[in-house]
Amino acid sequence: MPEDLASNMGFIMGTRHRERVVQILGSKGKLSAEKVAKFEHIPAISVKKILSDMADRSLVFENEGIWCLTEAGQEIEKEMKKRA
């Protein structure tokens, strides 16, 4: 596993909320932070912080309030599915 993938996996797997955000974006596709929060029953402020932290690692990107996984984020989601 490439070092950056391993590092990002550790970051995502560090909290259940990060894992769930990756899973929901992977399964539902492009969503607003508010919709992610509603689906996962996580406070919207927490989801926004998680998405911002993930964007800093180029795992998600935002366009006009809609978030989706980047290619790197999709790799993380695939790796998570393998481990489930």
Protein backbone atom coordinates (compact mmCIF):
# COMPACT_ATOMS: atom_id res chain seq x y z
CA MET A 1 0.00 0.00 0.00
CA PRO A 2 1.52 3.38 -0.94
CA GLU A 3 2.59 5.51 2.02
CA ASP A 4 0.08 8.31 1.33
CA LEU A 5 -2.77 5.79 1.07
CA ALA A 6 -1.68 4.18 4.35
CA SER A 7 -1.41 7.58 6.03
CA ASN A 8 -4.84 8.65 4.81
CA MET A 9 -6.36 5.30 5.82
CA GLY A 10 -5.05 5.85 9.34
CA PHE A 11 -6.50 9.36 9.36
CA ILE A 12 -9.94 8.18 8.20
CA MET A 13 -10.03 5.10 10.41
CA GLY A 14 -9.04 7.28 13.39
CA THR A 15 -12.67 8.19 14.07
CA ARG A 16 -15.95 6.51 13.32
CA HIS A 17 -17.41 9.79 12.07
CA ARG A 18 -14.72 10.16 9.39
CA GLU A 19 -15.32 6.57 8.32
CA ARG A 20 -19.06 7.20 8.02
CA VAL A 21 -18.56 10.40 6.00
CA VAL A 22 -16.38 8.51 3.51
CA GLN A 23 -18.90 5.66 3.36
CA ILE A 24 -21.90 7.93 2.80
CA LEU A 25 -20.18 9.96 0.08
CA GLY A 26 -19.05 6.70 -1.52
CA SER A 27 -22.52 5.20 -1.53
CA LYS A 28 -24.70 8.27 -2.14
CA GLY A 29 -22.34 10.36 -4.28
CA LYS A 30 -22.35 14.16 -4.16
CA LEU A 31 -24.03 15.64 -1.08
CA SER A 32 -24.16 18.85 0.94
CA ALA A 33 -22.60 18.78 4.41
CA GLU A 34 -26.11 19.16 5.85
CA LYS A 35 -27.36 16.04 4.03
CA VAL A 36 -24.34 14.04 5.21
CA ALA A 37 -25.09 15.20 8.75
CA LYS A 38 -28.75 14.23 8.42
CA PHE A 39 -28.00 10.76 6.98
CA GLU A 40 -25.42 10.00 9.65
CA HIS A 41 -27.00 11.77 12.63
CA ILE A 42 -23.80 13.75 13.19
CA PRO A 43 -24.00 17.47 14.03
CA ALA A 44 -23.57 19.57 10.85
CA ILE A 45 -20.74 21.58 12.46
CA SER A 46 -18.83 18.32 13.02
CA VAL A 47 -19.44 17.16 9.45
CA LYS A 48 -18.18 20.49 8.10
CA LYS A 49 -14.99 20.17 10.17
CA ILE A 50 -14.49 16.57 9.02
CA LEU A 51 -15.00 17.57 5.37
CA SER A 52 -12.62 20.50 5.75
CA ASP A 53 -9.94 18.24 7.29
CA MET A 54 -10.48 15.68 4.52
CA ALA A 55 -10.26 18.43 1.87
CA ASP A 56 -6.88 19.46 3.33
CA ARG A 57 -5.72 15.91 2.50
CA SER A 58 -7.32 16.03 -0.98
CA LEU A 59 -9.78 13.25 -0.12
CA VAL A 60 -12.89 15.31 -0.88
CA PHE A 61 -13.65 18.48 -2.77
CA GLU A 62 -16.46 20.98 -2.61
CA ASN A 63 -18.21 22.79 -5.42
CA GLU A 64 -20.94 25.29 -4.56
CA GLY A 65 -21.71 23.58 -1.25
CA ILE A 66 -21.76 20.04 -2.66
CA TRP A 67 -19.06 17.60 -1.52
CA CYS A 68 -17.75 14.48 -3.19
CA LEU A 69 -14.83 12.08 -2.91
CA THR A 70 -11.71 12.72 -4.96
CA GLU A 71 -9.91 9.84 -6.65
CA ALA A 72 -7.81 9.45 -3.49
CA GLY A 73 -10.99 9.44 -1.39
CA GLN A 74 -12.49 6.76 -3.62
CA GLU A 75 -9.36 4.63 -3.10
CA ILE A 76 -9.83 4.95 0.67
CA GLU A 77 -13.47 3.92 0.36
CA LYS A 78 -12.53 0.85 -1.72
CA GLU A 79 -9.88 -0.13 0.82
CA MET A 80 -12.42 0.25 3.65
CA LYS A 81 -14.85 -2.07 1.82
CA LYS A 82 -12.11 -4.70 1.46
CA ARG A 83 -11.49 -4.59 5.22
CA ALA A 84 -15.17 -4.74 6.22
